[in-house]
Amino acid sequence: MKYICKHCLSEKVKLEKPKPPHLASLICADCDRWIKWVGRTELEAIRGAIQPAAPIPQKEVIPFRWD
């Protein structure tokens, strides 16, 4: 099932942990707006359809010294 953001028309979505009593929240991955609440029966189907996000590369920390 495809979900489309009504605000930016993107098809990229992500799942986020919502406030109780909801199980999950479907959020637009481009504009971070809420799309819908996700129930138990729908959660597994959505998890299978959403591609996991690529890991965020860690920036190398270069120590700075005041001389």
PDB file of N, CA and C in Angstrom:
ATOM      1  N   MET A   1       0.845  -1.182   0.000  1.00  0.00           N
ATOM      2  CA  MET A   1       0.000   0.000   0.000  1.00  0.00           C
ATOM      3  C   MET A   1       0.888   1.242   0.000  1.00  0.00           C
ATOM      4  N   LYS A   2       0.581   2.201  -0.847  1.00  0.00           N
ATOM      5  CA  LYS A   2       1.360   3.432  -0.918  1.00  0.00           C
ATOM      6  C   LYS A   2       0.686   4.504  -0.080  1.00  0.00           C
ATOM      7  N   TYR A   3       1.500   5.230   0.632  1.00  0.00           N
ATOM      8  CA  TYR A   3       1.027   6.365   1.410  1.00  0.00           C
ATOM      9  C   TYR A   3       1.644   7.612   0.812  1.00  0.00           C
ATOM     10  N   ILE A   4       0.839   8.618   0.595  1.00  0.00           N
ATOM     11  CA  ILE A   4       1.309   9.866   0.003  1.00  0.00           C
ATOM     12  C   ILE A   4       1.029  11.000   0.973  1.00  0.00           C
ATOM     13  N   CYS A   5       2.041  11.819   1.205  1.00  0.00           N
ATOM     14  CA  CYS A   5       1.903  12.975   2.084  1.00  0.00           C
ATOM     15  C   CYS A   5       1.011  14.019   1.401  1.00  0.00           C
ATOM     16  N   LYS A   6       0.011  14.494   2.115  1.00  0.00           N
ATOM     17  CA  LYS A   6      -0.907  15.489   1.559  1.00  0.00           C
ATOM     18  C   LYS A   6      -0.262  16.874   1.458  1.00  0.00           C
ATOM     19  N   HIS A   7       0.833  17.073   2.164  1.00  0.00           N
ATOM     20  CA  HIS A   7       1.464  18.393   2.190  1.00  0.00           C
ATOM     21  C   HIS A   7       2.503  18.574   1.090  1.00  0.00           C
ATOM     22  N   CYS A   8       3.371  17.554   0.918  1.00  0.00           N
ATOM     23  CA  CYS A   8       4.447  17.709  -0.070  1.00  0.00           C
ATOM     24  C   CYS A   8       4.361  16.693  -1.211  1.00  0.00           C
ATOM     25  N   LEU A   9       3.359  15.797  -1.155  1.00  0.00           N
ATOM     26  CA  LEU A   9       3.114  14.774  -2.168  1.00  0.00           C
ATOM     27  C   LEU A   9       4.241  13.746  -2.284  1.00  0.00           C
ATOM     28  N   SER A  10       5.026  13.590  -1.244  1.00  0.00           N
ATOM     29  CA  SER A  10       6.096  12.603  -1.232  1.00  0.00           C
ATOM     30  C   SER A  10       5.535  11.226  -0.903  1.00  0.00           C
ATOM     31  N   GLU A  11       6.170  10.184  -1.429  1.00  0.00           N
ATOM     32  CA  GLU A  11       5.794   8.812  -1.117  1.00  0.00           C
ATOM     33  C   GLU A  11       6.745   8.197  -0.093  1.00  0.00           C
ATOM     34  N   LYS A  12       7.723   8.963   0.375  1.00  0.00           N
ATOM     35  CA  LYS A  12       8.688   8.461   1.358  1.00  0.00           C
ATOM     36  C   LYS A  12       8.102   8.630   2.753  1.00  0.00           C
ATOM     37  N   VAL A  13       8.016   7.516   3.478  1.00  0.00           N
ATOM     38  CA  VAL A  13       7.454   7.553   4.821  1.00  0.00           C
ATOM     39  C   VAL A  13       8.372   6.847   5.804  1.00  0.00           C
ATOM     40  N   LYS A  14       8.166   7.142   7.089  1.00  0.00           N
ATOM     41  CA  LYS A  14       8.926   6.479   8.153  1.00  0.00           C
ATOM     42  C   LYS A  14       7.985   6.252   9.336  1.00  0.00           C
ATOM     43  N   LEU A  15       8.348   5.292  10.173  1.00  0.00           N
ATOM     44  CA  LEU A  15       7.581   5.003  11.378  1.00  0.00           C
ATOM     45  C   LEU A  15       8.267   5.639  12.566  1.00  0.00           C
ATOM     46  N   GLU A  16       7.477   6.229  13.437  1.00  0.00           N
ATOM     47  CA  GLU A  16       8.020   6.799  14.668  1.00  0.00           C
ATOM     48  C   GLU A  16       7.197   6.327  15.838  1.00  0.00           C
ATOM     49  N   LYS A  17       7.823   6.323  17.002  1.00  0.00           N
ATOM     50  CA  LYS A  17       7.120   5.942  18.213  1.00  0.00           C
ATOM     51  C   LYS A  17       6.261   7.118  18.662  1.00  0.00           C
ATOM     52  N   PRO A  18       4.956   6.893  18.813  1.00  0.00           N
ATOM     53  CA  PRO A  18       4.065   7.991  19.192  1.00  0.00           C
ATOM     54  C   PRO A  18       3.823   8.050  20.694  1.00  0.00           C
ATOM     55  N   LYS A  19       3.024   9.000  21.088  1.00  0.00           N
ATOM     56  CA  LYS A  19       2.586   9.079  22.479  1.00  0.00           C
ATOM     57  C   LYS A  19       1.526   8.003  22.700  1.00  0.00           C
ATOM     58  N   PRO A  20       1.459   7.428  23.890  1.00  0.00           N
ATOM     59  CA  PRO A  20       0.420   6.430  24.175  1.00  0.00           C
ATOM     60  C   PRO A  20      -0.957   7.042  23.991  1.00  0.00           C
ATOM     61  N   PRO A  21      -1.944   6.323  23.595  1.00  0.00           N
ATOM     62  CA  PRO A  21      -2.090   4.877  23.504  1.00  0.00           C
ATOM     63  C   PRO A  21      -1.787   4.318  22.124  1.00  0.00           C
ATOM     64  N   HIS A  22      -1.249   5.103  21.210  1.00  0.00           N
ATOM     65  CA  HIS A  22      -1.027   4.666  19.839  1.00  0.00           C
ATOM     66  C   HIS A  22       0.194   3.755  19.747  1.00  0.00           C
ATOM     67  N   LEU A  23       0.164   2.830  18.779  1.00  0.00           N
ATOM     68  CA  LEU A  23       1.244   1.872  18.600  1.00  0.00           C
ATOM     69  C   LEU A  23       2.384   2.453  17.772  1.00  0.00           C
ATOM     70  N   ALA A  24       2.041   3.144  16.694  1.00  0.00           N
ATOM     71  CA  ALA A  24       3.055   3.740  15.822  1.00  0.00           C
ATOM     72  C   ALA A  24       2.431   4.920  15.084  1.00  0.00           C
ATOM     73  N   SER A  25       3.291   5.756  14.563  1.00  0.00           N
ATOM     74  CA  SER A  25       2.865   6.924  13.819  1.00  0.00           C
ATOM     75  C   SER A  25       3.584   6.917  12.471  1.00  0.00           C
ATOM     76  N   LEU A  26       2.849   7.090  11.391  1.00  0.00           N
ATOM     77  CA  LEU A  26       3.428   7.146  10.061  1.00  0.00           C
ATOM     78  C   LEU A  26       3.705   8.610   9.742  1.00  0.00           C
ATOM     79  N   ILE A  27       4.963   8.916   9.435  1.00  0.00           N
ATOM     80  CA  ILE A  27       5.432  10.286   9.228  1.00  0.00           C
ATOM     81  C   ILE A  27       6.047  10.410   7.839  1.00  0.00           C
ATOM     82  N   CYS A  28       5.855  11.555   7.199  1.00  0.00           N
ATOM     83  CA  CYS A  28       6.504  11.831   5.916  1.00  0.00           C
ATOM     84  C   CYS A  28       8.005  11.971   6.150  1.00  0.00           C
ATOM     85  N   ALA A  29       8.794  11.270   5.370  1.00  0.00           N
ATOM     86  CA  ALA A  29      10.249  11.317   5.533  1.00  0.00           C
ATOM     87  C   ALA A  29      10.848  12.603   4.973  1.00  0.00           C
ATOM     88  N   ASP A  30      10.122  13.304   4.118  1.00  0.00           N
ATOM     89  CA  ASP A  30      10.655  14.531   3.525  1.00  0.00           C
ATOM     90  C   ASP A  30      10.317  15.782   4.334  1.00  0.00           C
ATOM     91  N   CYS A  31       9.052  15.906   4.766  1.00  0.00           N
ATOM     92  CA  CYS A  31       8.663  17.137   5.468  1.00  0.00           C
ATOM     93  C   CYS A  31       8.356  16.914   6.952  1.00  0.00           C
ATOM     94  N   ASP A  32       8.500  15.677   7.429  1.00  0.00           N
ATOM     95  CA  ASP A  32       8.300  15.310   8.841  1.00  0.00           C
ATOM     96  C   ASP A  32       6.902  15.627   9.359  1.00  0.00           C
ATOM     97  N   ARG A  33       5.906  15.567   8.513  1.00  0.00           N
ATOM     98  CA  ARG A  33       4.528  15.775   8.959  1.00  0.00           C
ATOM     99  C   ARG A  33       3.844  14.436   9.183  1.00  0.00           C
ATOM    100  N   TRP A  34       2.917  14.433  10.134  1.00  0.00           N
ATOM    101  CA  TRP A  34       2.178  13.238  10.474  1.00  0.00           C
ATOM    102  C   TRP A  34       1.234  12.863   9.344  1.00  0.00           C
ATOM    103  N   ILE A  35       1.169  11.554   9.019  1.00  0.00           N
ATOM    104  CA  ILE A  35       0.253  11.075   7.987  1.00  0.00           C
ATOM    105  C   ILE A  35      -0.915  10.330   8.624  1.00  0.00           C
ATOM    106  N   LYS A  36      -0.608   9.351   9.502  1.00  0.00           N
ATOM    107  CA  LYS A  36      -1.689   8.596  10.134  1.00  0.00           C
ATOM    108  C   LYS A  36      -1.162   7.781  11.310  1.00  0.00           C
ATOM    109  N   TRP A  37      -2.093   7.375  12.171  1.00  0.00           N
ATOM    110  CA  TRP A  37      -1.776   6.439  13.239  1.00  0.00           C
ATOM    111  C   TRP A  37      -1.773   5.048  12.637  1.00  0.00           C
ATOM    112  N   VAL A  38      -0.921   4.171  13.160  1.00  0.00           N
ATOM    113  CA  VAL A  38      -0.814   2.814  12.650  1.00  0.00           C
ATOM    114  C   VAL A  38      -1.209   1.830  13.745  1.00  0.00           C
ATOM    115  N   GLY A  39      -2.112   0.926  13.411  1.00  0.00           N
ATOM    116  CA  GLY A  39      -2.569  -0.083  14.354  1.00  0.00           C
ATOM    117  C   GLY A  39      -1.751  -1.365  14.254  1.00  0.00           C
ATOM    118  N   ARG A  40      -2.055  -2.317  15.143  1.00  0.00           N
ATOM    119  CA  ARG A  40      -1.299  -3.584  15.189  1.00  0.00           C
ATOM    120  C   ARG A  40      -1.387  -4.368  13.890  1.00  0.00           C
ATOM    121  N   THR A  41      -2.569  -4.464  13.323  1.00  0.00           N
ATOM    122  CA  THR A  41      -2.737  -5.268  12.112  1.00  0.00           C
ATOM    123  C   THR A  41      -2.009  -4.668  10.914  1.00  0.00           C
ATOM    124  N   GLU A  42      -1.882  -3.376  10.894  1.00  0.00           N
ATOM    125  CA  GLU A  42      -1.252  -2.681   9.774  1.00  0.00           C
ATOM    126  C   GLU A  42       0.263  -2.527   9.942  1.00  0.00           C
ATOM    127  N   LEU A  43       0.744  -2.610  11.171  1.00  0.00           N
ATOM    128  CA  LEU A  43       2.145  -2.317  11.455  1.00  0.00           C
ATOM    129  C   LEU A  43       3.106  -3.236  10.718  1.00  0.00           C
ATOM    130  N   GLU A  44       2.893  -4.543  10.760  1.00  0.00           N
ATOM    131  CA  GLU A  44       3.807  -5.474  10.104  1.00  0.00           C
ATOM    132  C   GLU A  44       3.824  -5.286   8.592  1.00  0.00           C
ATOM    133  N   ALA A  45       2.674  -5.011   8.000  1.00  0.00           N
ATOM    134  CA  ALA A  45       2.613  -4.777   6.557  1.00  0.00           C
ATOM    135  C   ALA A  45       3.411  -3.535   6.178  1.00  0.00           C
ATOM    136  N   ILE A  46       3.290  -2.498   6.984  1.00  0.00           N
ATOM    137  CA  ILE A  46       4.015  -1.255   6.697  1.00  0.00           C
ATOM    138  C   ILE A  46       5.511  -1.458   6.903  1.00  0.00           C
ATOM    139  N   ARG A  47       5.886  -2.160   7.972  1.00  0.00           N
ATOM    140  CA  ARG A  47       7.319  -2.414   8.221  1.00  0.00           C
ATOM    141  C   ARG A  47       7.965  -3.154   7.060  1.00  0.00           C
ATOM    142  N   GLY A  48       7.232  -4.094   6.459  1.00  0.00           N
ATOM    143  CA  GLY A  48       7.769  -4.840   5.329  1.00  0.00           C
ATOM    144  C   GLY A  48       7.887  -3.996   4.074  1.00  0.00           C
ATOM    145  N   ALA A  49       7.047  -2.991   3.946  1.00  0.00           N
ATOM    146  CA  ALA A  49       7.040  -2.158   2.745  1.00  0.00           C
ATOM    147  C   ALA A  49       8.038  -1.005   2.807  1.00  0.00           C
ATOM    148  N   ILE A  50       8.369  -0.561   4.024  1.00  0.00           N
ATOM    149  CA  ILE A  50       9.289   0.570   4.179  1.00  0.00           C
ATOM    150  C   ILE A  50      10.722   0.077   4.144  1.00  0.00           C
ATOM    151  N   GLN A  51      11.524   0.701   3.317  1.00  0.00           N
ATOM    152  CA  GLN A  51      12.942   0.363   3.274  1.00  0.00           C
ATOM    153  C   GLN A  51      13.629   1.047   4.441  1.00  0.00           C
ATOM    154  N   PRO A  52      14.508   0.310   5.147  1.00  0.00           N
ATOM    155  CA  PRO A  52      15.204   0.952   6.261  1.00  0.00           C
ATOM    156  C   PRO A  52      16.079   2.098   5.780  1.00  0.00           C
ATOM    157  N   ALA A  53      16.142   3.119   6.577  1.00  0.00           N
ATOM    158  CA  ALA A  53      16.955   4.285   6.239  1.00  0.00           C
ATOM    159  C   ALA A  53      18.437   3.927   6.322  1.00  0.00           C
ATOM    160  N   ALA A  54      19.209   4.535   5.470  1.00  0.00           N
ATOM    161  CA  ALA A  54      20.654   4.303   5.499  1.00  0.00           C
ATOM    162  C   ALA A  54      21.224   4.888   6.786  1.00  0.00           C
ATOM    163  N   PRO A  55      22.206   4.199   7.369  1.00  0.00           N
ATOM    164  CA  PRO A  55      22.782   4.736   8.597  1.00  0.00           C
ATOM    165  C   PRO A  55      23.448   6.084   8.358  1.00  0.00           C
ATOM    166  N   ILE A  56      23.341   6.943   9.323  1.00  0.00           N
ATOM    167  CA  ILE A  56      23.936   8.271   9.221  1.00  0.00           C
ATOM    168  C   ILE A  56      25.430   8.153   9.485  1.00  0.00           C
ATOM    169  N   PRO A  57      26.262   8.581   8.547  1.00  0.00           N
ATOM    170  CA  PRO A  57      27.696   8.476   8.777  1.00  0.00           C
ATOM    171  C   PRO A  57      28.142   9.392   9.922  1.00  0.00           C
ATOM    172  N   GLN A  58      28.996   8.871  10.753  1.00  0.00           N
ATOM    173  CA  GLN A  58      29.514   9.643  11.872  1.00  0.00           C
ATOM    174  C   GLN A  58      30.635  10.552  11.381  1.00  0.00           C
ATOM    175  N   LYS A  59      30.592  11.793  11.809  1.00  0.00           N
ATOM    176  CA  LYS A  59      31.643  12.731  11.422  1.00  0.00           C
ATOM    177  C   LYS A  59      32.864  12.478  12.288  1.00  0.00           C
ATOM    178  N   GLU A  60      34.008  12.614  11.664  1.00  0.00           N
ATOM    179  CA  GLU A  60      35.250  12.443  12.405  1.00  0.00           C
ATOM    180  C   GLU A  60      35.468  13.684  13.272  1.00  0.00           C
ATOM    181  N   VAL A  61      35.728  13.453  14.535  1.00  0.00           N
ATOM    182  CA  VAL A  61      35.953  14.558  15.460  1.00  0.00           C
ATOM    183  C   VAL A  61      37.452  14.816  15.530  1.00  0.00           C
ATOM    184  N   ILE A  62      37.821  16.032  15.198  1.00  0.00           N
ATOM    185  CA  ILE A  62      39.231  16.422  15.249  1.00  0.00           C
ATOM    186  C   ILE A  62      39.415  17.323  16.460  1.00  0.00           C
ATOM    187  N   PRO A  63      40.233  16.884  17.397  1.00  0.00           N
ATOM    188  CA  PRO A  63      40.430  17.695  18.590  1.00  0.00           C
ATOM    189  C   PRO A  63      41.067  19.044  18.257  1.00  0.00           C
ATOM    190  N   PHE A  64      40.615  20.058  18.934  1.00  0.00           N
ATOM    191  CA  PHE A  64      41.135  21.407  18.708  1.00  0.00           C
ATOM    192  C   PHE A  64      41.890  21.846  19.960  1.00  0.00           C
ATOM    193  N   ARG A  65      43.064  22.343  19.767  1.00  0.00           N
ATOM    194  CA  ARG A  65      43.859  22.811  20.915  1.00  0.00           C
ATOM    195  C   ARG A  65      44.168  24.275  20.765  1.00  0.00           C
ATOM    196  N   TRP A  66      43.982  25.000  21.834  1.00  0.00           N
ATOM    197  CA  TRP A  66      44.402  26.393  21.870  1.00  0.00           C
ATOM    198  C   TRP A  66      45.867  26.430  22.286  1.00  0.00           C
ATOM    199  N   ASP A  67      46.700  27.019  21.489  1.00  0.00           N
ATOM    200  CA  ASP A  67      48.124  27.113  21.833  1.00  0.00           C
ATOM    201  C   ASP A  67      48.469  28.453  22.403  1.00  0.00           C
TER     202      ASP A  67
END
